[in-house]
Amino acid sequence: MTLWCAPSMTDAVVLAEMEAGDYAATVGGDYTGLAQAYALVEEPGHGAEVFSLMRDSDLAADAYLDRFFDTGDERQGEIDSQ
C-alpha cells in the first residue's frame, strides 16, 4: 500500500500505476494492472484509515476470509506480538 498526495483520484492512480510497474520490474514480478484508490478524510496519523474495501457477500466470515484473503499463497512474515 502506498500513499500519494495528488490533486485528484485520477492523478493518484496514475502515480500509483507508474510506481507499481517500476516496483514489479525491480522485484522480478508483474504488475497486474489493478490499482485502487481511497480518498483520505483526514491527515494520516496513528489509527487513521488509509484504505477501505467493502464487498457484499453471502459467505460466512471464515469462508469469506479463506476465499479472498487467506488462500495459502500469501507471503507473510511472523507477527511480532510484543
N, C-alpha and C. Protein backbone atom coordinates (compact mmCIF):
# COMPACT_ATOMS: atom_id res chain seq x y z
N MET A 1 0.86 -1.16 0.00
CA MET A 1 0.00 0.00 0.00
C MET A 1 0.90 1.22 0.00
N THR A 2 0.59 2.15 -0.84
CA THR A 2 1.38 3.37 -0.92
C THR A 2 0.47 4.57 -0.72
N LEU A 3 1.05 5.66 -0.35
CA LEU A 3 0.31 6.89 -0.09
C LEU A 3 0.78 7.94 -1.09
N TRP A 4 -0.16 8.54 -1.81
CA TRP A 4 0.16 9.54 -2.83
C TRP A 4 -0.58 10.82 -2.55
N CYS A 5 0.13 11.94 -2.56
CA CYS A 5 -0.50 13.25 -2.46
C CYS A 5 -0.71 13.74 -3.89
N ALA A 6 -1.96 13.88 -4.29
CA ALA A 6 -2.27 14.25 -5.66
C ALA A 6 -3.52 15.13 -5.67
N PRO A 7 -3.67 15.95 -6.70
CA PRO A 7 -4.83 16.83 -6.76
C PRO A 7 -6.15 16.13 -7.05
N SER A 8 -6.09 14.88 -7.55
CA SER A 8 -7.33 14.15 -7.84
C SER A 8 -7.08 12.64 -7.69
N MET A 9 -8.16 11.88 -7.63
CA MET A 9 -8.06 10.43 -7.55
C MET A 9 -7.39 9.89 -8.81
N THR A 10 -7.75 10.46 -9.96
CA THR A 10 -7.15 10.01 -11.23
C THR A 10 -5.64 10.21 -11.20
N ASP A 11 -5.20 11.37 -10.74
CA ASP A 11 -3.77 11.64 -10.67
C ASP A 11 -3.08 10.68 -9.71
N ALA A 12 -3.71 10.37 -8.59
CA ALA A 12 -3.14 9.44 -7.62
C ALA A 12 -2.99 8.05 -8.23
N VAL A 13 -4.00 7.60 -8.97
CA VAL A 13 -3.94 6.28 -9.61
C VAL A 13 -2.83 6.24 -10.66
N VAL A 14 -2.68 7.30 -11.43
CA VAL A 14 -1.61 7.35 -12.44
C VAL A 14 -0.25 7.22 -11.75
N LEU A 15 -0.04 7.95 -10.66
CA LEU A 15 1.21 7.86 -9.91
C LEU A 15 1.43 6.45 -9.37
N ALA A 16 0.38 5.87 -8.83
CA ALA A 16 0.47 4.52 -8.27
C ALA A 16 0.79 3.49 -9.35
N GLU A 17 0.16 3.62 -10.51
CA GLU A 17 0.40 2.67 -11.59
C GLU A 17 1.85 2.74 -12.09
N MET A 18 2.38 3.95 -12.18
CA MET A 18 3.78 4.08 -12.61
C MET A 18 4.71 3.42 -11.60
N GLU A 19 4.47 3.67 -10.32
CA GLU A 19 5.30 3.08 -9.27
C GLU A 19 5.15 1.58 -9.23
N ALA A 20 3.93 1.07 -9.41
CA ALA A 20 3.69 -0.37 -9.38
C ALA A 20 4.47 -1.07 -10.48
N GLY A 21 4.47 -0.49 -11.67
CA GLY A 21 5.22 -1.07 -12.78
C GLY A 21 6.71 -1.09 -12.49
N ASP A 22 7.23 0.01 -11.98
CA ASP A 22 8.65 0.09 -11.64
C ASP A 22 9.00 -0.91 -10.54
N TYR A 23 8.16 -0.98 -9.52
CA TYR A 23 8.42 -1.88 -8.39
C TYR A 23 8.39 -3.34 -8.85
N ALA A 24 7.39 -3.70 -9.64
CA ALA A 24 7.28 -5.08 -10.13
C ALA A 24 8.53 -5.47 -10.92
N ALA A 25 9.01 -4.56 -11.76
CA ALA A 25 10.21 -4.84 -12.54
C ALA A 25 11.42 -5.02 -11.63
N THR A 26 11.50 -4.23 -10.56
CA THR A 26 12.63 -4.30 -9.64
C THR A 26 12.68 -5.63 -8.90
N VAL A 27 11.53 -6.16 -8.52
CA VAL A 27 11.49 -7.40 -7.74
C VAL A 27 11.25 -8.64 -8.61
N GLY A 28 11.25 -8.46 -9.93
CA GLY A 28 11.05 -9.59 -10.83
C GLY A 28 9.62 -10.07 -10.90
N GLY A 29 8.68 -9.19 -10.63
CA GLY A 29 7.27 -9.57 -10.67
C GLY A 29 6.56 -8.94 -11.85
N ASP A 30 5.26 -9.05 -11.84
CA ASP A 30 4.42 -8.46 -12.88
C ASP A 30 3.38 -7.58 -12.23
N TYR A 31 3.18 -6.39 -12.79
CA TYR A 31 2.09 -5.54 -12.35
C TYR A 31 0.81 -6.03 -13.02
N THR A 32 -0.20 -6.35 -12.24
CA THR A 32 -1.43 -6.95 -12.77
C THR A 32 -2.36 -5.96 -13.45
N GLY A 33 -2.10 -4.67 -13.26
CA GLY A 33 -2.96 -3.66 -13.86
C GLY A 33 -4.09 -3.21 -12.96
N LEU A 34 -4.15 -3.72 -11.73
CA LEU A 34 -5.19 -3.30 -10.80
C LEU A 34 -4.63 -2.29 -9.82
N ALA A 35 -5.20 -1.11 -9.82
CA ALA A 35 -4.85 -0.09 -8.83
C ALA A 35 -6.16 0.43 -8.24
N GLN A 36 -6.20 0.57 -6.94
CA GLN A 36 -7.38 1.09 -6.27
C GLN A 36 -6.99 2.34 -5.51
N ALA A 37 -7.93 3.23 -5.31
CA ALA A 37 -7.65 4.47 -4.60
C ALA A 37 -8.70 4.70 -3.52
N TYR A 38 -8.28 5.41 -2.51
CA TYR A 38 -9.16 5.76 -1.39
C TYR A 38 -8.80 7.17 -0.97
N ALA A 39 -9.76 8.07 -0.96
CA ALA A 39 -9.51 9.46 -0.56
C ALA A 39 -9.54 9.56 0.96
N LEU A 40 -8.44 10.03 1.53
CA LEU A 40 -8.37 10.17 2.98
C LEU A 40 -9.29 11.30 3.44
N VAL A 41 -9.96 11.07 4.54
CA VAL A 41 -10.85 12.08 5.11
C VAL A 41 -10.04 13.04 5.98
N GLU A 42 -9.00 12.51 6.60
CA GLU A 42 -8.18 13.34 7.49
C GLU A 42 -6.71 13.05 7.24
N GLU A 43 -5.85 13.86 7.81
CA GLU A 43 -4.41 13.65 7.67
C GLU A 43 -4.04 12.29 8.25
N PRO A 44 -3.14 11.56 7.60
CA PRO A 44 -2.73 10.27 8.15
C PRO A 44 -2.00 10.44 9.47
N GLY A 45 -2.30 9.58 10.38
CA GLY A 45 -1.69 9.58 11.70
C GLY A 45 -2.04 8.29 12.40
N HIS A 46 -1.71 8.18 13.66
CA HIS A 46 -1.95 6.97 14.43
C HIS A 46 -3.43 6.57 14.36
N GLY A 47 -3.68 5.38 13.83
CA GLY A 47 -5.04 4.87 13.75
C GLY A 47 -5.88 5.41 12.60
N ALA A 48 -5.30 6.21 11.73
CA ALA A 48 -6.06 6.79 10.61
C ALA A 48 -6.39 5.71 9.58
N GLU A 49 -7.57 5.78 9.01
CA GLU A 49 -7.95 4.86 7.94
C GLU A 49 -7.31 5.33 6.64
N VAL A 50 -6.50 4.45 6.05
CA VAL A 50 -5.82 4.83 4.81
C VAL A 50 -6.29 3.99 3.62
N PHE A 51 -7.14 3.02 3.85
CA PHE A 51 -7.70 2.24 2.76
C PHE A 51 -8.97 1.58 3.27
N SER A 52 -9.93 1.43 2.39
CA SER A 52 -11.18 0.77 2.75
C SER A 52 -11.63 -0.08 1.57
N LEU A 53 -11.99 -1.32 1.85
CA LEU A 53 -12.53 -2.21 0.83
C LEU A 53 -13.82 -2.80 1.39
N MET A 54 -14.91 -2.58 0.69
CA MET A 54 -16.19 -3.14 1.11
C MET A 54 -16.73 -3.99 -0.03
N ARG A 55 -17.22 -5.17 0.32
CA ARG A 55 -17.73 -6.09 -0.69
C ARG A 55 -18.93 -6.81 -0.09
N ASP A 56 -20.01 -6.93 -0.84
CA ASP A 56 -21.16 -7.72 -0.39
C ASP A 56 -20.87 -9.19 -0.66
N SER A 57 -21.24 -10.05 0.28
CA SER A 57 -21.01 -11.48 0.13
C SER A 57 -22.00 -12.26 0.97
N ASP A 58 -22.42 -13.39 0.45
CA ASP A 58 -23.28 -14.30 1.21
C ASP A 58 -22.45 -15.33 1.98
N LEU A 59 -21.13 -15.28 1.84
CA LEU A 59 -20.26 -16.23 2.54
C LEU A 59 -20.21 -15.93 4.03
N ALA A 60 -20.05 -16.97 4.83
CA ALA A 60 -19.81 -16.80 6.26
C ALA A 60 -18.43 -16.16 6.44
N ALA A 61 -18.18 -15.53 7.56
CA ALA A 61 -16.95 -14.79 7.78
C ALA A 61 -15.70 -15.62 7.51
N ASP A 62 -15.61 -16.83 8.06
CA ASP A 62 -14.42 -17.66 7.84
C ASP A 62 -14.25 -18.03 6.37
N ALA A 63 -15.34 -18.38 5.71
CA ALA A 63 -15.27 -18.73 4.28
C ALA A 63 -14.89 -17.51 3.44
N TYR A 64 -15.38 -16.35 3.82
CA TYR A 64 -15.04 -15.11 3.12
C TYR A 64 -13.54 -14.83 3.22
N LEU A 65 -13.00 -14.93 4.42
CA LEU A 65 -11.57 -14.69 4.61
C LEU A 65 -10.74 -15.71 3.84
N ASP A 66 -11.15 -16.98 3.88
CA ASP A 66 -10.43 -18.02 3.13
C ASP A 66 -10.47 -17.74 1.62
N ARG A 67 -11.60 -17.32 1.13
CA ARG A 67 -11.78 -17.09 -0.31
C ARG A 67 -10.97 -15.91 -0.82
N PHE A 68 -10.98 -14.81 -0.08
CA PHE A 68 -10.40 -13.57 -0.60
C PHE A 68 -9.07 -13.16 0.05
N PHE A 69 -8.77 -13.62 1.25
CA PHE A 69 -7.61 -13.10 1.94
C PHE A 69 -6.66 -14.14 2.51
N ASP A 70 -7.06 -15.38 2.60
CA ASP A 70 -6.22 -16.41 3.21
C ASP A 70 -6.22 -17.63 2.31
N THR A 71 -5.68 -17.46 1.12
CA THR A 71 -5.71 -18.53 0.12
C THR A 71 -4.61 -19.55 0.32
N GLY A 72 -3.62 -19.21 1.14
CA GLY A 72 -2.46 -20.07 1.35
C GLY A 72 -1.28 -19.69 0.48
N ASP A 73 -1.49 -18.77 -0.44
CA ASP A 73 -0.42 -18.33 -1.32
C ASP A 73 0.17 -16.98 -0.92
N GLU A 74 -0.25 -16.44 0.21
CA GLU A 74 0.23 -15.14 0.66
C GLU A 74 1.68 -15.25 1.14
N ARG A 75 2.42 -14.20 0.97
CA ARG A 75 3.78 -14.11 1.52
C ARG A 75 3.69 -13.25 2.76
N GLN A 76 3.69 -13.91 3.90
CA GLN A 76 3.51 -13.19 5.16
C GLN A 76 4.64 -13.55 6.11
N GLY A 77 5.08 -12.55 6.86
CA GLY A 77 6.09 -12.79 7.88
C GLY A 77 5.41 -13.05 9.21
N GLU A 78 6.20 -13.40 10.18
CA GLU A 78 5.68 -13.60 11.53
C GLU A 78 5.23 -12.27 12.11
N ILE A 79 4.19 -12.29 12.91
CA ILE A 79 3.71 -11.09 13.58
C ILE A 79 4.41 -10.99 14.93
N ASP A 80 5.06 -9.86 15.17
CA ASP A 80 5.74 -9.62 16.44
C ASP A 80 4.69 -9.27 17.48
N SER A 81 4.50 -10.11 18.49
CA SER A 81 3.42 -9.91 19.46
C SER A 81 3.88 -9.18 20.72
N GLN A 82 4.95 -8.43 20.63
CA GLN A 82 5.43 -7.71 21.83
C GLN A 82 4.54 -6.58 22.19
